[in-house]
C-alpha atoms as a PDB file:
ATOM      1  CA  UNK A   1      -0.885  -7.587  -0.389  1.00  0.00           C
ATOM      2  CA  UNK A   2      -1.528  -7.030  -4.286  1.00  0.00           C
ATOM      3  CA  UNK A   3      -4.028  -5.402  -5.986  1.00  0.00           C
ATOM      4  CA  UNK A   4      -4.378  -5.507  -9.909  1.00  0.00           C
ATOM      5  CA  UNK A   5      -6.407  -3.182 -11.827  1.00  0.00           C
ATOM      6  CA  UNK A   6      -7.288  -3.371 -15.494  1.00  0.00           C
ATOM      7  CA  UNK A   7      -5.356  -0.426 -17.552  1.00  0.00           C
ATOM      8  CA  UNK A   8      -7.829  -0.491 -20.403  1.00  0.00           C
ATOM      9  CA  UNK A   9     -10.475   0.982 -18.158  1.00  0.00           C
ATOM     10  CA  UNK A  10      -8.541   4.489 -17.803  1.00  0.00           C
ATOM     11  CA  UNK A  11      -7.207   4.728 -21.046  1.00  0.00           C
ATOM     12  CA  UNK A  12      -9.486   3.051 -23.802  1.00  0.00           C
ATOM     13  CA  UNK A  13     -12.660   3.115 -21.964  1.00  0.00           C
ATOM     14  CA  UNK A  14     -12.804   6.506 -20.455  1.00  0.00           C
ATOM     15  CA  UNK A  15     -13.314   5.346 -16.465  1.00  0.00           C
ATOM     16  CA  UNK A  16     -11.506   8.332 -14.457  1.00  0.00           C
ATOM     17  CA  UNK A  17      -8.994   7.534 -11.363  1.00  0.00           C
ATOM     18  CA  UNK A  18     -12.036   8.223  -8.997  1.00  0.00           C
ATOM     19  CA  UNK A  19     -14.109   5.343  -9.930  1.00  0.00           C
ATOM     20  CA  UNK A  20     -10.654   3.515 -10.470  1.00  0.00           C
ATOM     21  CA  UNK A  21      -9.733   4.311  -6.699  1.00  0.00           C
ATOM     22  CA  UNK A  22     -13.099   3.042  -5.582  1.00  0.00           C
ATOM     23  CA  UNK A  23     -12.876  -0.319  -7.313  1.00  0.00           C
ATOM     24  CA  UNK A  24      -9.820  -1.037  -5.549  1.00  0.00           C
ATOM     25  CA  UNK A  25     -11.587   0.569  -1.809  1.00  0.00           C
ATOM     26  CA  UNK A  26     -13.947  -2.300  -2.843  1.00  0.00           C
ATOM     27  CA  UNK A  27     -12.166  -5.509  -3.563  1.00  0.00           C
ATOM     28  CA  UNK A  28      -9.951  -4.569  -0.774  1.00  0.00           C
ATOM     29  CA  UNK A  29     -12.583  -4.606   1.624  1.00  0.00           C
ATOM     30  CA  UNK A  30     -14.422  -7.841   0.112  1.00  0.00           C
ATOM     31  CA  UNK A  31     -10.840  -9.684   0.104  1.00  0.00           C
ATOM     32  CA  UNK A  32      -9.925  -8.537   3.959  1.00  0.00           C
ATOM     33  CA  UNK A  33     -14.002  -9.677   4.828  1.00  0.00           C
ATOM     34  CA  UNK A  34     -13.506 -12.965   3.172  1.00  0.00           C
ATOM     35  CA  UNK A  35     -10.493 -13.752   4.763  1.00  0.00           C
ATOM     36  CA  UNK A  36     -10.474 -12.445   8.391  1.00  0.00           C
ATOM     37  CA  UNK A  37     -10.004 -15.231   9.923  1.00  0.00           C
ATOM     38  CA  UNK A  38      -6.751 -16.040   8.044  1.00  0.00           C
ATOM     39  CA  UNK A  39      -3.308 -16.149   9.933  1.00  0.00           C
ATOM     40  CA  UNK A  40      -1.998 -13.707   7.381  1.00  0.00           C
ATOM     41  CA  UNK A  41      -5.194 -11.353   7.108  1.00  0.00           C
ATOM     42  CA  UNK A  42      -5.109 -11.286  11.146  1.00  0.00           C
ATOM     43  CA  UNK A  43      -1.391 -10.303  11.337  1.00  0.00           C
ATOM     44  CA  UNK A  44      -1.742  -7.804   8.404  1.00  0.00           C
ATOM     45  CA  UNK A  45      -4.709  -6.007   9.782  1.00  0.00           C
ATOM     46  CA  UNK A  46      -2.399  -6.132  13.728  1.00  0.00           C
ATOM     47  CA  UNK A  47       0.096  -3.986  12.325  1.00  0.00           C
ATOM     48  CA  UNK A  48      -1.776  -1.173  10.821  1.00  0.00           C
ATOM     49  CA  UNK A  49       1.255   1.191  10.951  1.00  0.00           C
ATOM     50  CA  UNK A  50       3.347  -1.363   8.371  1.00  0.00           C
ATOM     51  CA  UNK A  51       0.528  -2.023   6.083  1.00  0.00           C
ATOM     52  CA  UNK A  52       2.000  -2.945   2.711  1.00  0.00           C
ATOM     53  CA  UNK A  53       0.182  -2.833  -1.006  1.00  0.00           C
ATOM     54  CA  UNK A  54       1.416  -3.236  -4.193  1.00  0.00           C
ATOM     55  CA  UNK A  55      -0.868  -1.779  -7.425  1.00  0.00           C
ATOM     56  CA  UNK A  56      -0.487  -3.551 -10.336  1.00  0.00           C
ATOM     57  CA  UNK A  57      -2.140  -2.955 -13.910  1.00  0.00           C
ATOM     58  CA  UNK A  58      -3.204  -5.532 -16.324  1.00  0.00           C
ATOM     59  CA  UNK A  59      -4.223  -4.986 -19.981  1.00  0.00           C
ATOM     60  CA  UNK A  60      -7.514  -5.860 -19.864  1.00  0.00           C
ATOM     61  CA  UNK A  61     -10.434  -7.955 -19.017  1.00  0.00           C
ATOM     62  CA  UNK A  62      -9.087 -10.838 -20.425  1.00  0.00           C
ATOM     63  CA  UNK A  63      -5.875 -10.815 -18.321  1.00  0.00           C
ATOM     64  CA  UNK A  64      -7.530 -10.359 -15.593  1.00  0.00           C
ATOM     65  CA  UNK A  65      -9.591 -13.132 -15.902  1.00  0.00           C
ATOM     66  CA  UNK A  66      -6.475 -15.144 -16.313  1.00  0.00           C
ATOM     67  CA  UNK A  67      -5.124 -13.944 -13.072  1.00  0.00           C
ATOM     68  CA  UNK A  68      -8.107 -14.778 -11.256  1.00  0.00           C
ATOM     69  CA  UNK A  69      -7.732 -18.523 -13.109  1.00  0.00           C
ATOM     70  CA  UNK A  70      -3.860 -18.544 -12.103  1.00  0.00           C
ATOM     71  CA  UNK A  71      -4.767 -17.814  -8.672  1.00  0.00           C
ATOM     72  CA  UNK A  72      -7.172 -20.433  -8.055  1.00  0.00           C
ATOM     73  CA  UNK A  73      -5.459 -23.312  -9.901  1.00  0.00           C
ATOM     74  CA  UNK A  74      -2.354 -22.509  -7.995  1.00  0.00           C
ATOM     75  CA  UNK A  75      -1.566 -25.215  -5.527  1.00  0.00           C
ATOM     76  CA  UNK A  76      -2.817 -24.333  -2.580  1.00  0.00           C
ATOM     77  CA  UNK A  77      -4.966 -21.876  -4.452  1.00  0.00           C
ATOM     78  CA  UNK A  78      -4.520 -18.260  -3.547  1.00  0.00           C
ATOM     79  CA  UNK A  79      -7.499 -16.245  -1.718  1.00  0.00           C
ATOM     80  CA  UNK A  80      -8.205 -13.330  -3.788  1.00  0.00           C
ATOM     81  CA  UNK A  81     -11.518 -11.261  -4.662  1.00  0.00           C
ATOM     82  CA  UNK A  82     -12.384 -10.386  -8.013  1.00  0.00           C
ATOM     83  CA  UNK A  83     -14.298  -6.966  -7.833  1.00  0.00           C
ATOM     84  CA  UNK A  84     -17.420  -6.988 -10.465  1.00  0.00           C
ATOM     85  CA  UNK A  85     -18.938  -3.726 -10.894  1.00  0.00           C
ATOM     86  CA  UNK A  86     -22.584  -3.847 -10.792  1.00  0.00           C
ATOM     87  CA  UNK A  87     -24.994  -3.220 -12.471  1.00  0.00           C
ATOM     88  CA  UNK A  88     -22.661  -2.896 -15.294  1.00  0.00           C
ATOM     89  CA  UNK A  89     -21.107  -6.511 -14.535  1.00  0.00           C
ATOM     90  CA  UNK A  90     -17.906  -5.493 -15.693  1.00  0.00           C
ATOM     91  CA  UNK A  91     -14.580  -7.217 -14.094  1.00  0.00           C
ATOM     92  CA  UNK A  92     -12.905  -4.494 -12.522  1.00  0.00           C
ATOM     93  CA  UNK A  93      -9.867  -5.355 -10.557  1.00  0.00           C
ATOM     94  CA  UNK A  94      -8.358  -8.325  -8.313  1.00  0.00           C
ATOM     95  CA  UNK A  95      -7.435  -7.902  -4.370  1.00  0.00           C
ATOM     96  CA  UNK A  96      -5.287 -10.788  -3.316  1.00  0.00           C
ATOM     97  CA  UNK A  97      -5.616 -11.440   0.568  1.00  0.00           C
ATOM     98  CA  UNK A  98      -2.504 -10.312   2.588  1.00  0.00           C
ATOM     99  CA  UNK A  99       0.906 -12.930   1.784  1.00  0.00           C
ATOM    100  CA  UNK A 100       4.073 -13.270   1.400  1.00  0.00           C
ATOM    101  CA  UNK A 101       4.334 -12.736  -2.194  1.00  0.00           C
ATOM    102  CA  UNK A 102       5.692 -16.653  -2.254  1.00  0.00           C
ATOM    103  CA  UNK A 103       6.136 -18.532  -5.853  1.00  0.00           C
ATOM    104  CA  UNK A 104       2.966 -19.220  -6.959  1.00  0.00           C
ATOM    105  CA  UNK A 105       1.740 -15.529  -6.354  1.00  0.00           C
ATOM    106  CA  UNK A 106       5.028 -14.416  -8.445  1.00  0.00           C
ATOM    107  CA  UNK A 107       4.451 -16.877 -10.912  1.00  0.00           C
ATOM    108  CA  UNK A 108       0.557 -15.832 -11.571  1.00  0.00           C
ATOM    109  CA  UNK A 109       1.399 -12.584 -11.662  1.00  0.00           C
ATOM    110  CA  UNK A 110       3.666 -12.710 -14.397  1.00  0.00           C
ATOM    111  CA  UNK A 111       2.110 -14.933 -16.836  1.00  0.00           C
ATOM    112  CA  UNK A 112      -1.020 -12.822 -16.479  1.00  0.00           C
ATOM    113  CA  UNK A 113       1.039  -9.963 -17.695  1.00  0.00           C
ATOM    114  CA  UNK A 114       0.950  -7.854 -14.388  1.00  0.00           C
ATOM    115  CA  UNK A 115       3.108  -4.940 -14.133  1.00  0.00           C
ATOM    116  CA  UNK A 116       3.549  -2.421 -11.346  1.00  0.00           C
ATOM    117  CA  UNK A 117       0.914   0.550 -12.199  1.00  0.00           C
ATOM    118  CA  UNK A 118       2.554   3.373 -13.629  1.00  0.00           C
ATOM    119  CA  UNK A 119       1.030   6.953 -13.441  1.00  0.00           C
END
């Protein structure tokens, strides 16, 4: 499972780490709920001791939206949830449904400029 967070919210917009963690929790809960009947999600949820997540960063809103477009345009499309914080209407992060990180996911992450989150 991959979670992609906008780095600019921390560095340029002055969001704290706590509020960003809340955004990640929202997006993760949403995508798990939306895909609760999918085989990969069921397998992921059945093995709580071995859950794996990769937290990645992207530069800004534009690159986050680009990632969503690439995931939707993949064949087949990649289930994900882009969390949009309300009432500000600010896209903050994307959580991908549990997956095996196949080529279409790797390509989308690379094309959108996603990198591992750095402290």
